[in-house]
Amino acid sequence: MHEFGRFFLPGPTDIRPDILAAQAGPPLPHRGAAFEALFASLQPGLQHVFGTTRPVYVSTSSATGLMESAVRCAKPGPVLSLVNGAFAERFADIARACGRDVTVLEAKWGDTVPLEQVEAELRQRAYAGVTVVHSETSTGALTPLEEFGALCRAHGALSLVDSVTGVAGAAMQAEAWQLDFVFTGSQKALAMPPGLAFGVASERYLATVHEAPARGRYFDVLEFEQYVHKHQTPNTPATSLLYAAAAQLAYIERESISTRVARHEAMAALTYAWLAETREALGVPFCIQAREHERSPTVTCIALPPGIRGDDVVKGALDRGFVIGGGYGKLKATHIRIGHMGDHTVDGLSLCLAAVRETLADLAS
């Protein structure tokens, strides 16, 4: 039996047993009325977490599929990529793989690219789109988006947003913030099984999709848009995952997105306080990779002092019954990451953090 509350990886995150059990629903013809009713039931909940009145696309894929879709279906022209971590680098690499001329604005891993720097570049050159990662899972940095969409629009560029560890854990108002394409994955703060991606496109984005020279087929936004209004998907969906999504979205609606975001912020605050106390108690200089006031409420990346390896901390936590993440990419050996997202609670997280502190104490002695 799955024991919930022991799995604090920064994605995939822990899933409650009732959501796992919901996948056992019967198979359905995906062009029939029963499936259409199931699909339609997802929309209010998805619109709620994205902060939009637009229909939300459902893709049987990882979020990387919609990352490619965001670029491939954008209007022709060069792309500006804001890079401050491994997944922001992936976004830029995908843009290059889609044949785009890519300019990179780079920040130190853990920092964010200042809006002033973005605006200066947008004044220098006309870009089709700007890629950004809202919550950078590799570093725990959170890029503020409240003014980002309006800035891109002022310079004729589409705002393309990876909010994979943002949506349903950090505040997201895709419509009010004038964001043009926002996507996430099912297995992060939404706390659903892996295998689904969700995305929303603005009317402004849709108005130019037909201009995209090679938007492909599987991730064609125009196909998603056509089928979503019929409460269908363009291709065969993973129906079992949709049952789980329906159950979890109903749960999130009962909690409310504002309460959910506040819970994530409380878990993040607990983690910061715990680290300060641990640093003082052990006399060892642990620090948070992301800067204060630019930290994601869903994942914290911790830099370890010399002599303590990320893999050893992960193993020590596992020996004590908890799963946490090691560093990612170039931070793999020197950092750990704690995913405080999904349906975890402050009380549950405190148990995990106690196990990590015991591990750090052993390794530092």
Protein backbone atom coordinates (compact mmCIF):
# COMPACT_ATOMS: atom_id res chain seq x y z
CA MET A 1 0.00 0.00 0.00
CA HIS A 2 1.35 3.42 -0.94
CA GLU A 3 2.29 5.46 2.14
CA PHE A 4 1.68 9.09 1.36
CA GLY A 5 3.96 11.74 2.88
CA ARG A 6 7.39 10.23 2.37
CA PHE A 7 8.18 11.39 -1.15
CA PHE A 8 9.60 14.93 -1.41
CA LEU A 9 11.25 14.76 -4.81
CA PRO A 10 10.86 18.02 -6.80
CA GLY A 11 8.74 16.10 -9.27
CA PRO A 12 7.22 13.69 -9.76
CA THR A 13 5.64 14.50 -6.44
CA ASP A 14 3.76 12.33 -4.00
CA ILE A 15 0.23 11.25 -4.95
CA ARG A 16 -2.55 10.46 -2.52
CA PRO A 17 -3.80 6.84 -2.63
CA ASP A 18 -7.33 7.90 -3.64
CA ILE A 19 -5.97 9.70 -6.71
CA LEU A 20 -3.93 6.64 -7.68
CA ALA A 21 -7.05 4.49 -7.26
CA ALA A 22 -9.08 6.81 -9.48
CA GLN A 23 -7.07 5.58 -12.48
CA ALA A 24 -9.00 2.30 -12.36
CA GLY A 25 -11.98 3.77 -14.21
CA PRO A 26 -13.23 1.86 -17.26
CA PRO A 27 -11.94 2.43 -20.80
CA LEU A 28 -14.05 4.76 -22.93
CA PRO A 29 -14.35 5.45 -26.66
CA HIS A 30 -12.70 8.85 -26.83
CA ARG A 31 -15.08 10.10 -29.50
CA GLY A 32 -18.14 9.25 -27.40
CA ALA A 33 -20.40 11.17 -25.06
CA ALA A 34 -19.05 9.62 -21.84
CA PHE A 35 -15.51 10.66 -22.64
CA GLU A 36 -16.64 14.14 -23.67
CA ALA A 37 -18.40 14.53 -20.32
CA LEU A 38 -15.23 13.45 -18.49
CA PHE A 39 -13.09 15.85 -20.52
CA ALA A 40 -15.51 18.74 -20.06
CA SER A 41 -15.49 18.17 -16.29
CA LEU A 42 -11.77 19.00 -16.23
CA GLN A 43 -12.09 22.45 -17.73
CA PRO A 44 -13.42 24.51 -14.78
CA GLY A 45 -10.70 23.15 -12.50
CA LEU A 46 -7.93 23.69 -15.04
CA GLN A 47 -9.10 27.22 -15.78
CA HIS A 48 -9.10 27.87 -12.04
CA VAL A 49 -5.48 26.83 -11.53
CA PHE A 50 -4.23 28.63 -14.66
CA GLY A 51 -6.18 31.79 -13.93
CA THR A 52 -7.89 31.93 -17.31
CA THR A 53 -11.28 31.86 -19.02
CA ARG A 54 -9.70 30.30 -22.11
CA PRO A 55 -10.00 26.53 -22.69
CA VAL A 56 -7.06 24.54 -21.37
CA TYR A 57 -5.44 21.97 -23.68
CA VAL A 58 -4.76 18.45 -22.42
CA SER A 59 -1.88 16.57 -24.00
CA THR A 60 -0.95 12.94 -23.41
CA SER A 61 2.76 13.74 -23.05
CA SER A 62 5.24 15.22 -20.68
CA ALA A 63 5.31 19.00 -20.35
CA THR A 64 8.29 19.02 -22.73
CA GLY A 65 5.81 18.27 -25.52
CA LEU A 66 3.97 21.52 -24.90
CA MET A 67 7.29 23.32 -24.47
CA GLU A 68 8.06 22.34 -28.06
CA SER A 69 4.51 23.20 -29.11
CA ALA A 70 4.81 26.70 -27.66
CA VAL A 71 7.82 27.42 -29.87
CA ARG A 72 6.89 25.42 -32.96
CA CYS A 73 3.46 27.02 -33.28
CA ALA A 74 4.57 30.58 -32.51
CA LYS A 75 4.69 33.10 -35.33
CA PRO A 76 7.86 33.17 -37.49
CA GLY A 77 10.91 35.00 -36.25
CA PRO A 78 13.77 34.84 -33.75
CA VAL A 79 13.30 33.82 -30.13
CA LEU A 80 14.72 35.42 -27.00
CA SER A 81 15.39 32.90 -24.23
CA LEU A 82 15.83 33.82 -20.58
CA VAL A 83 18.19 31.21 -19.15
CA ASN A 84 18.83 30.83 -15.42
CA GLY A 85 18.87 27.06 -14.95
CA ALA A 86 18.72 23.65 -16.59
CA PHE A 87 15.09 23.80 -17.72
CA ALA A 88 15.45 27.32 -19.07
CA GLU A 89 18.41 25.94 -21.05
CA ARG A 90 16.15 23.14 -22.32
CA PHE A 91 13.60 25.71 -23.52
CA ALA A 92 16.33 27.52 -25.47
CA ASP A 93 17.65 24.23 -26.89
CA ILE A 94 14.17 23.23 -28.05
CA ALA A 95 13.76 26.59 -29.76
CA ARG A 96 17.01 25.95 -31.64
CA ALA A 97 15.86 22.41 -32.53
CA CYS A 98 12.70 23.96 -33.98
CA GLY A 99 14.87 25.99 -36.33
CA ARG A 100 14.62 29.29 -34.48
CA ASP A 101 17.35 31.89 -34.31
CA VAL A 102 17.84 32.06 -30.55
CA THR A 103 19.37 34.85 -28.48
CA VAL A 104 20.07 34.01 -24.84
CA LEU A 105 19.93 36.36 -21.88
CA GLU A 106 21.68 34.45 -19.12
CA ALA A 107 21.63 34.85 -15.36
CA LYS A 108 23.54 32.99 -12.69
CA TRP A 109 21.81 29.76 -11.70
CA GLY A 110 19.61 30.75 -8.77
CA ASP A 111 19.07 34.30 -10.00
CA THR A 112 16.50 35.59 -12.49
CA VAL A 113 16.96 37.75 -15.57
CA PRO A 114 15.93 41.32 -14.66
CA LEU A 115 12.99 42.76 -16.61
CA GLU A 116 15.09 45.82 -17.40
CA GLN A 117 17.57 43.62 -19.25
CA VAL A 118 14.74 41.93 -21.14
CA GLU A 119 13.28 45.28 -22.14
CA ALA A 120 16.64 46.57 -23.34
CA GLU A 121 17.04 43.53 -25.62
CA LEU A 122 13.46 43.81 -26.93
CA ARG A 123 14.21 47.40 -27.90
CA GLN A 124 17.22 46.27 -29.90
CA ARG A 125 15.55 43.60 -32.05
CA ALA A 126 12.11 42.35 -33.05
CA TYR A 127 11.45 38.89 -31.55
CA ALA A 128 8.64 36.47 -32.29
CA GLY A 129 8.64 35.16 -28.74
CA VAL A 130 10.36 35.19 -25.37
CA THR A 131 10.81 31.95 -23.43
CA VAL A 132 10.94 31.96 -19.65
CA VAL A 133 10.74 29.41 -16.85
CA HIS A 134 8.42 30.59 -14.10
CA SER A 135 9.67 28.21 -11.39
CA GLU A 136 13.13 26.83 -12.27
CA THR A 137 13.14 23.32 -10.82
CA SER A 138 16.92 22.99 -10.98
CA THR A 139 17.58 26.00 -8.74
CA GLY A 140 14.34 26.90 -6.96
CA ALA A 141 14.30 30.39 -8.49
CA LEU A 142 10.94 32.05 -9.21
CA THR A 143 10.72 34.59 -12.03
CA PRO A 144 8.07 37.28 -11.40
CA LEU A 145 5.56 37.28 -14.26
CA GLU A 146 3.08 40.00 -13.30
CA GLU A 147 4.63 42.49 -15.77
CA PHE A 148 6.34 40.05 -18.14
CA GLY A 149 3.43 39.48 -20.52
CA ALA A 150 2.66 43.17 -20.91
CA LEU A 151 6.33 43.91 -21.60
CA CYS A 152 6.47 41.29 -24.35
CA ARG A 153 3.25 42.59 -25.90
CA ALA A 154 4.54 46.14 -25.92
CA HIS A 155 7.36 44.99 -28.16
CA GLY A 156 5.35 42.62 -30.38
CA ALA A 157 6.70 39.40 -28.87
CA LEU A 158 4.76 36.38 -27.57
CA SER A 159 5.38 35.37 -23.95
CA LEU A 160 6.05 31.62 -23.75
CA VAL A 161 6.00 30.35 -20.16
CA ASP A 162 7.15 27.08 -18.61
CA SER A 163 5.27 26.90 -15.30
CA VAL A 164 5.86 23.20 -14.72
CA THR A 165 6.60 23.62 -11.00
CA GLY A 166 4.58 26.82 -10.78
CA VAL A 167 0.95 26.13 -11.66
CA ALA A 168 -1.09 24.99 -8.63
CA GLY A 169 1.74 25.81 -6.23
CA ALA A 170 2.69 29.39 -7.04
CA ALA A 171 0.32 32.19 -7.97
CA MET A 172 -0.62 32.08 -11.67
CA GLN A 173 -2.94 34.47 -13.49
CA ALA A 174 -2.31 33.67 -17.14
CA GLU A 175 -5.05 35.99 -18.40
CA ALA A 176 -4.59 38.97 -16.07
CA TRP A 177 -0.83 38.86 -16.60
CA GLN A 178 -1.33 38.78 -20.40
CA LEU A 179 0.72 35.61 -20.89
CA ASP A 180 0.45 34.08 -24.36
CA PHE A 181 1.27 30.40 -23.83
CA VAL A 182 1.58 28.78 -20.41
CA PHE A 183 2.08 25.07 -19.79
CA THR A 184 2.62 22.65 -16.94
CA GLY A 185 2.83 18.93 -16.23
CA SER A 186 0.49 16.73 -14.21
CA GLN A 187 3.17 15.33 -11.91
CA LYS A 188 4.33 18.47 -10.10
CA ALA A 189 2.29 20.83 -7.89
CA LEU A 190 -0.94 19.42 -9.33
CA ALA A 191 -0.01 16.12 -7.61
CA MET A 192 -1.37 13.85 -10.34
CA PRO A 193 0.27 10.81 -11.94
CA PRO A 194 2.86 11.63 -14.63
CA GLY A 195 1.89 11.56 -18.29
CA LEU A 196 -0.30 14.60 -18.93
CA ALA A 197 0.57 18.16 -19.91
CA PHE A 198 -1.77 21.12 -19.71
CA GLY A 199 -1.48 24.39 -21.60
CA VAL A 200 -3.39 27.55 -22.36
CA ALA A 201 -2.91 29.89 -25.33
CA SER A 202 -4.08 33.48 -25.59
CA GLU A 203 -6.25 34.76 -28.43
CA ARG A 204 -3.23 36.82 -29.46
CA TYR A 205 -1.12 33.68 -29.77
CA LEU A 206 -3.84 31.87 -31.73
CA ALA A 207 -4.18 34.74 -34.20
CA THR A 208 -0.74 34.01 -35.66
CA VAL A 209 -0.46 30.21 -35.34
CA HIS A 210 -1.36 29.76 -39.02
CA GLU A 211 1.81 31.69 -39.89
CA ALA A 212 4.10 29.15 -38.19
CA PRO A 213 6.08 27.49 -40.99
CA ALA A 214 6.41 23.96 -39.55
CA ARG A 215 4.13 23.47 -36.56
CA GLY A 216 3.96 19.69 -37.01
CA ARG A 217 0.91 17.61 -36.16
CA TYR A 218 0.92 15.97 -32.74
CA PHE A 219 1.51 19.26 -30.91
CA ASP A 220 -0.30 21.54 -33.35
CA VAL A 221 -2.01 24.23 -31.27
CA LEU A 222 -4.71 24.73 -33.90
CA GLU A 223 -5.66 21.07 -33.54
CA PHE A 224 -5.77 21.37 -29.76
CA GLU A 225 -7.94 24.47 -30.12
CA GLN A 226 -10.31 22.77 -32.58
CA TYR A 227 -10.80 19.66 -30.46
CA VAL A 228 -10.97 21.27 -27.01
CA HIS A 229 -14.21 23.03 -27.99
CA LYS A 230 -15.69 19.59 -28.77
CA HIS A 231 -14.47 18.30 -25.37
CA GLN A 232 -12.05 16.01 -27.12
CA THR A 233 -8.33 15.59 -27.72
CA PRO A 234 -6.77 15.47 -31.21
CA ASN A 235 -5.20 12.07 -30.56
CA THR A 236 -5.89 9.03 -28.38
CA PRO A 237 -5.84 10.23 -24.75
CA ALA A 238 -4.63 8.45 -21.63
CA THR A 239 -8.13 8.04 -20.22
CA SER A 240 -6.97 6.48 -16.94
CA LEU A 241 -4.92 9.60 -16.23
CA LEU A 242 -7.94 11.79 -16.96
CA TYR A 243 -9.93 9.97 -14.26
CA ALA A 244 -7.15 10.82 -11.80
CA ALA A 245 -7.06 14.40 -13.06
CA ALA A 246 -10.80 14.79 -12.56
CA ALA A 247 -10.57 13.53 -8.98
CA GLN A 248 -7.61 15.74 -8.15
CA LEU A 249 -9.05 18.89 -9.72
CA ALA A 250 -12.20 18.40 -7.66
CA TYR A 251 -9.99 18.12 -4.56
CA ILE A 252 -8.10 21.31 -5.48
CA GLU A 253 -11.37 23.16 -6.05
CA ARG A 254 -12.53 22.19 -2.55
CA GLU A 255 -9.25 23.42 -1.10
CA SER A 256 -9.31 26.54 -3.35
CA ILE A 257 -6.29 27.69 -5.32
CA SER A 258 -5.64 30.61 -2.95
CA THR A 259 -5.48 28.26 0.04
CA ARG A 260 -3.29 25.87 -1.93
CA VAL A 261 -0.81 28.59 -2.86
CA ALA A 262 -0.74 29.81 0.75
CA ARG A 263 0.02 26.25 1.93
CA HIS A 264 2.94 26.04 -0.51
CA GLU A 265 4.25 29.39 0.73
CA ALA A 266 4.01 28.15 4.31
CA MET A 267 5.98 25.00 3.43
CA ALA A 268 8.65 27.11 1.73
CA ALA A 269 8.87 29.42 4.77
CA LEU A 270 9.27 26.39 7.04
CA THR A 271 12.12 25.13 4.86
CA TYR A 272 13.95 28.47 4.99
CA ALA A 273 13.58 28.67 8.79
CA TRP A 274 14.69 25.04 9.16
CA LEU A 275 17.81 25.68 7.10
CA ALA A 276 18.76 28.73 9.17
CA GLU A 277 18.34 26.72 12.37
CA THR A 278 20.31 23.79 10.92
CA ARG A 279 23.13 26.06 9.82
CA GLU A 280 23.37 27.54 13.32
CA ALA A 281 23.04 24.20 15.12
CA LEU A 282 25.68 22.42 13.04
CA GLY A 283 27.94 25.39 12.39
CA VAL A 284 28.07 24.46 8.71
CA PRO A 285 27.47 27.01 5.88
CA PHE A 286 24.47 25.60 4.06
CA CYS A 287 22.72 28.17 1.87
CA ILE A 288 19.73 28.46 -0.47
CA GLN A 289 20.66 28.70 -4.15
CA ALA A 290 17.91 31.15 -5.10
CA ARG A 291 17.96 34.73 -3.88
CA GLU A 292 15.58 35.93 -1.19
CA HIS A 293 12.29 37.26 -2.65
CA GLU A 294 12.92 35.24 -5.83
CA ARG A 295 12.33 31.76 -4.43
CA SER A 296 9.80 29.24 -5.66
CA PRO A 297 7.24 28.07 -3.09
CA THR A 298 7.40 24.56 -4.55
CA VAL A 299 11.08 23.58 -4.48
CA THR A 300 14.15 24.65 -2.51
CA CYS A 301 17.67 24.02 -3.82
CA ILE A 302 20.33 23.93 -1.08
CA ALA A 303 24.05 24.39 -1.67
CA LEU A 304 26.12 22.04 0.48
CA PRO A 305 29.48 22.92 2.02
CA PRO A 306 32.70 21.30 0.78
CA GLY A 307 33.03 17.73 1.93
CA ILE A 308 29.32 16.89 1.85
CA ARG A 309 28.03 15.28 -1.34
CA GLY A 310 24.47 15.56 -2.57
CA ASP A 311 24.18 11.82 -3.22
CA ASP A 312 25.18 11.06 0.37
CA VAL A 313 22.47 13.37 1.75
CA VAL A 314 19.87 11.80 -0.53
CA LYS A 315 20.92 8.32 0.58
CA GLY A 316 20.88 9.28 4.26
CA ALA A 317 17.38 10.70 3.96
CA LEU A 318 16.23 7.55 2.15
CA ASP A 319 17.70 5.38 4.94
CA ARG A 320 15.45 7.36 7.28
CA GLY A 321 12.40 6.77 5.11
CA PHE A 322 12.21 9.95 3.00
CA VAL A 323 12.89 10.65 -0.66
CA ILE A 324 14.43 14.02 -1.56
CA GLY A 325 16.17 15.18 -4.72
CA GLY A 326 19.82 15.61 -5.50
CA GLY A 327 21.15 18.58 -7.38
CA TYR A 328 20.33 18.84 -11.08
CA GLY A 329 22.66 19.38 -14.01
CA LYS A 330 25.87 21.14 -13.05
CA LEU A 331 24.64 21.36 -9.43
CA LYS A 332 24.22 17.59 -9.09
CA ALA A 333 27.16 16.80 -6.81
CA THR A 334 27.06 19.93 -4.66
CA HIS A 335 23.36 20.53 -3.95
CA ILE A 336 20.16 18.88 -2.77
CA ARG A 337 16.58 19.82 -3.63
CA ILE A 338 13.48 19.41 -1.50
CA GLY A 339 10.16 19.38 -3.32
CA HIS A 340 7.54 20.86 -0.99
CA MET A 341 4.68 20.77 -3.45
CA GLY A 342 1.44 19.07 -4.27
CA ASP A 343 -0.62 17.76 -1.36
CA HIS A 344 2.11 17.82 1.27
CA THR A 345 1.51 19.67 4.53
CA VAL A 346 3.66 21.74 6.85
CA ASP A 347 3.48 18.98 9.48
CA GLY A 348 4.45 16.29 6.99
CA LEU A 349 7.32 18.36 5.62
CA SER A 350 8.67 18.94 9.13
CA LEU A 351 9.17 15.17 9.51
CA CYS A 352 11.14 15.04 6.26
CA LEU A 353 13.27 18.02 7.26
CA ALA A 354 14.05 16.40 10.61
CA ALA A 355 15.36 13.34 8.77
CA VAL A 356 17.49 15.52 6.49
CA ARG A 357 18.92 17.36 9.50
CA GLU A 358 19.89 14.08 11.14
CA THR A 359 21.63 13.09 7.91
CA LEU A 360 23.46 16.42 7.63
CA ALA A 361 24.56 16.16 11.26
CA ASP A 362 26.05 12.72 10.65
CA LEU A 363 27.84 13.84 7.48
CA ALA A 364 29.16 17.05 9.05
CA SER A 365 30.57 15.34 12.15
